[in-house]
Amino acid sequence: VDNDSDVDDLGALMYILASQSTTDEHDLKAITVTPNGWSNQWSGVINNQRVLRKFGCSVQDVPLTYGHPSSRYSILSTS
């Protein structure tokens, strides 16, 4: 999923995570956060990480990273 961490994207992520636990309808592979939305890109990654944690996931389960064009950032630390 590529998102800009706007309210609609976070809602869609919650829908995917909720339905993933009850059906095989969705298979979330990874999340990237672009810098053109409701929040700054760095805080968008943090907000996505919070949503993952609420659903019992971590960046080991679903990789989470900064999307283009902020290439100076790498994958979010797992520590």
PDB file of N, CA and C in Angstrom:
ATOM      1  N   VAL A   1       0.845  -1.168   0.000  1.00  0.00           N
ATOM      2  CA  VAL A   1       0.000   0.000   0.000  1.00  0.00           C
ATOM      3  C   VAL A   1       0.891   1.231   0.000  1.00  0.00           C
ATOM      4  N   ASP A   2       0.634   2.133  -0.919  1.00  0.00           N
ATOM      5  CA  ASP A   2       1.323   3.421  -0.966  1.00  0.00           C
ATOM      6  C   ASP A   2       0.308   4.458  -0.530  1.00  0.00           C
ATOM      7  N   ASN A   3       0.642   5.243   0.491  1.00  0.00           N
ATOM      8  CA  ASN A   3      -0.332   6.211   0.984  1.00  0.00           C
ATOM      9  C   ASN A   3       0.341   7.496   1.415  1.00  0.00           C
ATOM     10  N   ASP A   4      -0.479   8.536   1.626  1.00  0.00           N
ATOM     11  CA  ASP A   4       0.033   9.824   2.085  1.00  0.00           C
ATOM     12  C   ASP A   4      -0.392  10.116   3.523  1.00  0.00           C
ATOM     13  N   SER A   5      -0.886   9.125   4.202  1.00  0.00           N
ATOM     14  CA  SER A   5      -1.289   9.199   5.618  1.00  0.00           C
ATOM     15  C   SER A   5      -2.398  10.200   5.883  1.00  0.00           C
ATOM     16  N   ASP A   6      -3.213  10.467   4.870  1.00  0.00           N
ATOM     17  CA  ASP A   6      -4.404  11.275   5.084  1.00  0.00           C
ATOM     18  C   ASP A   6      -5.441  10.379   5.772  1.00  0.00           C
ATOM     19  N   VAL A   7      -6.474  10.977   6.283  1.00  0.00           N
ATOM     20  CA  VAL A   7      -7.485  10.242   7.042  1.00  0.00           C
ATOM     21  C   VAL A   7      -8.070   9.085   6.236  1.00  0.00           C
ATOM     22  N   ASP A   8      -8.322   9.304   4.951  1.00  0.00           N
ATOM     23  CA  ASP A   8      -8.892   8.230   4.131  1.00  0.00           C
ATOM     24  C   ASP A   8      -7.933   7.051   3.982  1.00  0.00           C
ATOM     25  N   ASP A   9      -6.648   7.340   3.876  1.00  0.00           N
ATOM     26  CA  ASP A   9      -5.667   6.260   3.740  1.00  0.00           C
ATOM     27  C   ASP A   9      -5.507   5.469   5.036  1.00  0.00           C
ATOM     28  N   LEU A  10      -5.491   6.161   6.159  1.00  0.00           N
ATOM     29  CA  LEU A  10      -5.393   5.445   7.435  1.00  0.00           C
ATOM     30  C   LEU A  10      -6.641   4.606   7.674  1.00  0.00           C
ATOM     31  N   GLY A  11      -7.807   5.113   7.282  1.00  0.00           N
ATOM     32  CA  GLY A  11      -9.041   4.337   7.387  1.00  0.00           C
ATOM     33  C   GLY A  11      -8.996   3.103   6.495  1.00  0.00           C
ATOM     34  N   ALA A  12      -8.478   3.262   5.282  1.00  0.00           N
ATOM     35  CA  ALA A  12      -8.356   2.122   4.369  1.00  0.00           C
ATOM     36  C   ALA A  12      -7.375   1.090   4.918  1.00  0.00           C
ATOM     37  N   LEU A  13      -6.286   1.554   5.519  1.00  0.00           N
ATOM     38  CA  LEU A  13      -5.319   0.636   6.124  1.00  0.00           C
ATOM     39  C   LEU A  13      -5.962  -0.146   7.263  1.00  0.00           C
ATOM     40  N   MET A  14      -6.753   0.527   8.083  1.00  0.00           N
ATOM     41  CA  MET A  14      -7.439  -0.166   9.181  1.00  0.00           C
ATOM     42  C   MET A  14      -8.426  -1.194   8.634  1.00  0.00           C
ATOM     43  N   TYR A  15      -9.117  -0.849   7.557  1.00  0.00           N
ATOM     44  CA  TYR A  15     -10.046  -1.797   6.932  1.00  0.00           C
ATOM     45  C   TYR A  15      -9.297  -3.038   6.437  1.00  0.00           C
ATOM     46  N   ILE A  16      -8.185  -2.812   5.759  1.00  0.00           N
ATOM     47  CA  ILE A  16      -7.392  -3.936   5.233  1.00  0.00           C
ATOM     48  C   ILE A  16      -6.897  -4.817   6.372  1.00  0.00           C
ATOM     49  N   LEU A  17      -6.366  -4.210   7.417  1.00  0.00           N
ATOM     50  CA  LEU A  17      -5.842  -4.993   8.542  1.00  0.00           C
ATOM     51  C   LEU A  17      -6.950  -5.758   9.257  1.00  0.00           C
ATOM     52  N   ALA A  18      -8.116  -5.141   9.411  1.00  0.00           N
ATOM     53  CA  ALA A  18      -9.236  -5.812  10.080  1.00  0.00           C
ATOM     54  C   ALA A  18      -9.745  -6.979   9.240  1.00  0.00           C
ATOM     55  N   SER A  19      -9.890  -6.779   7.940  1.00  0.00           N
ATOM     56  CA  SER A  19     -10.402  -7.852   7.090  1.00  0.00           C
ATOM     57  C   SER A  19      -9.361  -8.936   6.863  1.00  0.00           C
ATOM     58  N   GLN A  20      -8.097  -8.581   6.938  1.00  0.00           N
ATOM     59  CA  GLN A  20      -7.026  -9.558   6.767  1.00  0.00           C
ATOM     60  C   GLN A  20      -7.035 -10.592   7.894  1.00  0.00           C
ATOM     61  N   SER A  21      -7.454 -10.167   9.075  1.00  0.00           N
ATOM     62  CA  SER A  21      -7.459 -11.091  10.210  1.00  0.00           C
ATOM     63  C   SER A  21      -8.663 -12.031  10.181  1.00  0.00           C
ATOM     64  N   THR A  22      -9.694 -11.695   9.401  1.00  0.00           N
ATOM     65  CA  THR A  22     -10.898 -12.533   9.373  1.00  0.00           C
ATOM     66  C   THR A  22     -11.124 -13.249   8.045  1.00  0.00           C
ATOM     67  N   THR A  23     -10.509 -12.760   6.975  1.00  0.00           N
ATOM     68  CA  THR A  23     -10.681 -13.377   5.655  1.00  0.00           C
ATOM     69  C   THR A  23      -9.340 -13.404   4.930  1.00  0.00           C
ATOM     70  N   ASP A  24      -9.308 -14.061   3.803  1.00  0.00           N
ATOM     71  CA  ASP A  24      -8.118 -14.054   2.945  1.00  0.00           C
ATOM     72  C   ASP A  24      -8.257 -13.035   1.824  1.00  0.00           C
ATOM     73  N   GLU A  25      -9.169 -12.082   2.015  1.00  0.00           N
ATOM     74  CA  GLU A  25      -9.461 -11.106   0.968  1.00  0.00           C
ATOM     75  C   GLU A  25      -8.269 -10.201   0.665  1.00  0.00           C
ATOM     76  N   HIS A  26      -7.501  -9.830   1.686  1.00  0.00           N
ATOM     77  CA  HIS A  26      -6.366  -8.934   1.506  1.00  0.00           C
ATOM     78  C   HIS A  26      -5.101  -9.587   2.040  1.00  0.00           C
ATOM     79  N   ASP A  27      -3.996  -9.298   1.384  1.00  0.00           N
ATOM     80  CA  ASP A  27      -2.695  -9.796   1.812  1.00  0.00           C
ATOM     81  C   ASP A  27      -1.713  -8.631   1.742  1.00  0.00           C
ATOM     82  N   LEU A  28      -1.619  -7.882   2.819  1.00  0.00           N
ATOM     83  CA  LEU A  28      -0.788  -6.688   2.868  1.00  0.00           C
ATOM     84  C   LEU A  28       0.679  -7.073   2.889  1.00  0.00           C
ATOM     85  N   LYS A  29       1.424  -6.616   1.897  1.00  0.00           N
ATOM     86  CA  LYS A  29       2.839  -6.974   1.763  1.00  0.00           C
ATOM     87  C   LYS A  29       3.764  -5.925   2.371  1.00  0.00           C
ATOM     88  N   ALA A  30       3.443  -4.635   2.167  1.00  0.00           N
ATOM     89  CA  ALA A  30       4.305  -3.546   2.639  1.00  0.00           C
ATOM     90  C   ALA A  30       3.544  -2.231   2.574  1.00  0.00           C
ATOM     91  N   ILE A  31       4.080  -1.222   3.260  1.00  0.00           N
ATOM     92  CA  ILE A  31       3.483   0.112   3.259  1.00  0.00           C
ATOM     93  C   ILE A  31       4.583   1.123   2.958  1.00  0.00           C
ATOM     94  N   THR A  32       4.300   2.046   2.038  1.00  0.00           N
ATOM     95  CA  THR A  32       5.176   3.184   1.804  1.00  0.00           C
ATOM     96  C   THR A  32       4.368   4.453   2.065  1.00  0.00           C
ATOM     97  N   VAL A  33       5.062   5.487   2.534  1.00  0.00           N
ATOM     98  CA  VAL A  33       4.401   6.747   2.866  1.00  0.00           C
ATOM     99  C   VAL A  33       5.020   7.865   2.031  1.00  0.00           C
ATOM    100  N   THR A  34       4.177   8.544   1.258  1.00  0.00           N
ATOM    101  CA  THR A  34       4.627   9.652   0.421  1.00  0.00           C
ATOM    102  C   THR A  34       4.482  10.968   1.182  1.00  0.00           C
ATOM    103  N   PRO A  35       5.223  12.001   0.768  1.00  0.00           N
ATOM    104  CA  PRO A  35       5.231  13.258   1.514  1.00  0.00           C
ATOM    105  C   PRO A  35       4.206  14.282   1.056  1.00  0.00           C
ATOM    106  N   ASN A  36       3.135  13.891   0.408  1.00  0.00           N
ATOM    107  CA  ASN A  36       2.218  14.876  -0.169  1.00  0.00           C
ATOM    108  C   ASN A  36       0.825  14.824   0.432  1.00  0.00           C
ATOM    109  N   GLY A  37       0.710  14.465   1.683  1.00  0.00           N
ATOM    110  CA  GLY A  37      -0.617  14.313   2.260  1.00  0.00           C
ATOM    111  C   GLY A  37      -0.865  15.169   3.469  1.00  0.00           C
ATOM    112  N   TRP A  38      -1.735  14.667   4.318  1.00  0.00           N
ATOM    113  CA  TRP A  38      -2.219  15.377   5.478  1.00  0.00           C
ATOM    114  C   TRP A  38      -1.122  15.628   6.491  1.00  0.00           C
ATOM    115  N   SER A  39      -0.205  14.707   6.644  1.00  0.00           N
ATOM    116  CA  SER A  39       0.876  14.858   7.612  1.00  0.00           C
ATOM    117  C   SER A  39       2.212  14.885   6.897  1.00  0.00           C
ATOM    118  N   ASN A  40       3.225  15.338   7.606  1.00  0.00           N
ATOM    119  CA  ASN A  40       4.576  15.253   7.059  1.00  0.00           C
ATOM    120  C   ASN A  40       4.930  13.789   6.855  1.00  0.00           C
ATOM    121  N   GLN A  41       5.867  13.545   5.968  1.00  0.00           N
ATOM    122  CA  GLN A  41       6.204  12.163   5.658  1.00  0.00           C
ATOM    123  C   GLN A  41       6.716  11.417   6.880  1.00  0.00           C
ATOM    124  N   TRP A  42       7.576  12.038   7.682  1.00  0.00           N
ATOM    125  CA  TRP A  42       8.115  11.345   8.860  1.00  0.00           C
ATOM    126  C   TRP A  42       7.023  11.021   9.861  1.00  0.00           C
ATOM    127  N   SER A  43       6.079  11.935  10.072  1.00  0.00           N
ATOM    128  CA  SER A  43       4.994  11.647  11.019  1.00  0.00           C
ATOM    129  C   SER A  43       3.981  10.682  10.412  1.00  0.00           C
ATOM    130  N   GLY A  44       3.871  10.676   9.081  1.00  0.00           N
ATOM    131  CA  GLY A  44       2.988   9.710   8.424  1.00  0.00           C
ATOM    132  C   GLY A  44       3.461   8.286   8.648  1.00  0.00           C
ATOM    133  N   VAL A  45       4.770   8.077   8.611  1.00  0.00           N
ATOM    134  CA  VAL A  45       5.323   6.753   8.881  1.00  0.00           C
ATOM    135  C   VAL A  45       5.016   6.352  10.320  1.00  0.00           C
ATOM    136  N   ILE A  46       5.181   7.276  11.243  1.00  0.00           N
ATOM    137  CA  ILE A  46       4.889   6.997  12.658  1.00  0.00           C
ATOM    138  C   ILE A  46       3.412   6.669  12.837  1.00  0.00           C
ATOM    139  N   ASN A  47       2.531   7.418  12.180  1.00  0.00           N
ATOM    140  CA  ASN A  47       1.092   7.151  12.292  1.00  0.00           C
ATOM    141  C   ASN A  47       0.727   5.790  11.721  1.00  0.00           C
ATOM    142  N   ASN A  48       1.334   5.408  10.607  1.00  0.00           N
ATOM    143  CA  ASN A  48       1.095   4.079  10.043  1.00  0.00           C
ATOM    144  C   ASN A  48       1.600   3.003  10.988  1.00  0.00           C
ATOM    145  N   GLN A  49       2.727   3.254  11.623  1.00  0.00           N
ATOM    146  CA  GLN A  49       3.268   2.295  12.585  1.00  0.00           C
ATOM    147  C   GLN A  49       2.314   2.131  13.769  1.00  0.00           C
ATOM    148  N   ARG A  50       1.713   3.210  14.206  1.00  0.00           N
ATOM    149  CA  ARG A  50       0.736   3.137  15.303  1.00  0.00           C
ATOM    150  C   ARG A  50      -0.466   2.285  14.915  1.00  0.00           C
ATOM    151  N   VAL A  51      -0.946   2.461  13.683  1.00  0.00           N
ATOM    152  CA  VAL A  51      -2.075   1.655  13.210  1.00  0.00           C
ATOM    153  C   VAL A  51      -1.684   0.177  13.169  1.00  0.00           C
ATOM    154  N   LEU A  52      -0.504  -0.112  12.662  1.00  0.00           N
ATOM    155  CA  LEU A  52      -0.043  -1.510  12.635  1.00  0.00           C
ATOM    156  C   LEU A  52      -0.032  -2.102  14.041  1.00  0.00           C
ATOM    157  N   ARG A  53       0.493  -1.358  14.990  1.00  0.00           N
ATOM    158  CA  ARG A  53       0.565  -1.853  16.373  1.00  0.00           C
ATOM    159  C   ARG A  53      -0.820  -2.102  16.959  1.00  0.00           C
ATOM    160  N   LYS A  54      -1.775  -1.238  16.637  1.00  0.00           N
ATOM    161  CA  LYS A  54      -3.146  -1.415  17.137  1.00  0.00           C
ATOM    162  C   LYS A  54      -3.743  -2.739  16.676  1.00  0.00           C
ATOM    163  N   PHE A  55      -3.304  -3.203  15.500  1.00  0.00           N
ATOM    164  CA  PHE A  55      -3.817  -4.446  14.947  1.00  0.00           C
ATOM    165  C   PHE A  55      -2.866  -5.617  15.189  1.00  0.00           C
ATOM    166  N   GLY A  56      -1.919  -5.420  16.092  1.00  0.00           N
ATOM    167  CA  GLY A  56      -1.021  -6.502  16.477  1.00  0.00           C
ATOM    168  C   GLY A  56       0.057  -6.821  15.459  1.00  0.00           C
ATOM    169  N   CYS A  57       0.363  -5.877  14.595  1.00  0.00           N
ATOM    170  CA  CYS A  57       1.405  -6.082  13.589  1.00  0.00           C
ATOM    171  C   CYS A  57       2.624  -5.233  13.926  1.00  0.00           C
ATOM    172  N   SER A  58       3.726  -5.556  13.303  1.00  0.00           N
ATOM    173  CA  SER A  58       4.936  -4.760  13.461  1.00  0.00           C
ATOM    174  C   SER A  58       5.594  -4.611  12.099  1.00  0.00           C
ATOM    175  N   VAL A  59       6.705  -3.852  12.053  1.00  0.00           N
ATOM    176  CA  VAL A  59       7.399  -3.684  10.777  1.00  0.00           C
ATOM    177  C   VAL A  59       8.088  -4.976  10.349  1.00  0.00           C
ATOM    178  N   GLN A  60       8.200  -5.935  11.243  1.00  0.00           N
ATOM    179  CA  GLN A  60       8.690  -7.249  10.827  1.00  0.00           C
ATOM    180  C   GLN A  60       7.609  -7.997  10.049  1.00  0.00           C
ATOM    181  N   ASP A  61       6.345  -7.803  10.418  1.00  0.00           N
ATOM    182  CA  ASP A  61       5.216  -8.439   9.720  1.00  0.00           C
ATOM    183  C   ASP A  61       4.908  -7.743   8.397  1.00  0.00           C
ATOM    184  N   VAL A  62       4.853  -6.423   8.446  1.00  0.00           N
ATOM    185  CA  VAL A  62       4.534  -5.595   7.283  1.00  0.00           C
ATOM    186  C   VAL A  62       5.591  -4.504   7.189  1.00  0.00           C
ATOM    187  N   PRO A  63       6.532  -4.620   6.256  1.00  0.00           N
ATOM    188  CA  PRO A  63       7.564  -3.584   6.132  1.00  0.00           C
ATOM    189  C   PRO A  63       6.941  -2.210   5.882  1.00  0.00           C
ATOM    190  N   LEU A  64       7.512  -1.211   6.522  1.00  0.00           N
ATOM    191  CA  LEU A  64       7.007   0.159   6.462  1.00  0.00           C
ATOM    192  C   LEU A  64       8.180   1.077   6.177  1.00  0.00           C
ATOM    193  N   THR A  65       8.061   1.880   5.120  1.00  0.00           N
ATOM    194  CA  THR A  65       9.183   2.727   4.739  1.00  0.00           C
ATOM    195  C   THR A  65       8.702   4.040   4.128  1.00  0.00           C
ATOM    196  N   TYR A  66       9.631   4.969   3.981  1.00  0.00           N
ATOM    197  CA  TYR A  66       9.363   6.222   3.312  1.00  0.00           C
ATOM    198  C   TYR A  66       9.336   5.980   1.810  1.00  0.00           C
ATOM    199  N   GLY A  67       8.329   6.539   1.142  1.00  0.00           N
ATOM    200  CA  GLY A  67       8.252   6.410  -0.310  1.00  0.00           C
ATOM    201  C   GLY A  67       9.006   7.532  -0.990  1.00  0.00           C
ATOM    202  N   HIS A  68       9.025   7.497  -2.283  1.00  0.00           N
ATOM    203  CA  HIS A  68       9.676   8.521  -3.090  1.00  0.00           C
ATOM    204  C   HIS A  68       9.008   9.865  -2.835  1.00  0.00           C
ATOM    205  N   PRO A  69       9.626  11.007  -2.792  1.00  0.00           N
ATOM    206  CA  PRO A  69      10.978  11.282  -3.237  1.00  0.00           C
ATOM    207  C   PRO A  69      11.994  11.447  -2.107  1.00  0.00           C
ATOM    208  N   SER A  70      11.657  11.119  -0.896  1.00  0.00           N
ATOM    209  CA  SER A  70      12.594  11.306   0.209  1.00  0.00           C
ATOM    210  C   SER A  70      13.582  10.150   0.291  1.00  0.00           C
ATOM    211  N   SER A  71      14.437  10.050  -0.689  1.00  0.00           N
ATOM    212  CA  SER A  71      15.350   8.915  -0.772  1.00  0.00           C
ATOM    213  C   SER A  71      16.438   8.954   0.295  1.00  0.00           C
ATOM    214  N   ARG A  72      16.559  10.059   1.020  1.00  0.00           N
ATOM    215  CA  ARG A  72      17.571  10.117   2.063  1.00  0.00           C
ATOM    216  C   ARG A  72      17.199   9.281   3.274  1.00  0.00           C
ATOM    217  N   TYR A  73      15.938   8.848   3.341  1.00  0.00           N
ATOM    218  CA  TYR A  73      15.496   8.014   4.439  1.00  0.00           C
ATOM    219  C   TYR A  73      15.529   6.551   4.030  1.00  0.00           C
ATOM    220  N   SER A  74      15.767   5.693   4.990  1.00  0.00           N
ATOM    221  CA  SER A  74      15.730   4.254   4.710  1.00  0.00           C
ATOM    222  C   SER A  74      14.607   3.618   5.509  1.00  0.00           C
ATOM    223  N   ILE A  75      14.523   2.312   5.442  1.00  0.00           N
ATOM    224  CA  ILE A  75      13.449   1.597   6.145  1.00  0.00           C
ATOM    225  C   ILE A  75      13.451   1.942   7.624  1.00  0.00           C
ATOM    226  N   LEU A  76      12.285   2.017   8.176  1.00  0.00           N
ATOM    227  CA  LEU A  76      12.111   2.378   9.573  1.00  0.00           C
ATOM    228  C   LEU A  76      12.822   1.366  10.463  1.00  0.00           C
ATOM    229  N   SER A  77      13.518   1.862  11.445  1.00  0.00           N
ATOM    230  CA  SER A  77      14.251   0.997  12.354  1.00  0.00           C
ATOM    231  C   SER A  77      13.309   0.077  13.113  1.00  0.00           C
ATOM    232  N   THR A  78      13.728  -1.141  13.322  1.00  0.00           N
ATOM    233  CA  THR A  78      12.909  -2.111  14.055  1.00  0.00           C
ATOM    234  C   THR A  78      13.270  -2.149  15.522  1.00  0.00           C
ATOM    235  N   SER A  79      14.176  -1.288  15.956  1.00  0.00           N
ATOM    236  CA  SER A  79      14.562  -1.302  17.372  1.00  0.00           C
ATOM    237  C   SER A  79      13.746  -0.338  18.191  1.00  0.00           C
TER     238      SER A  79
END
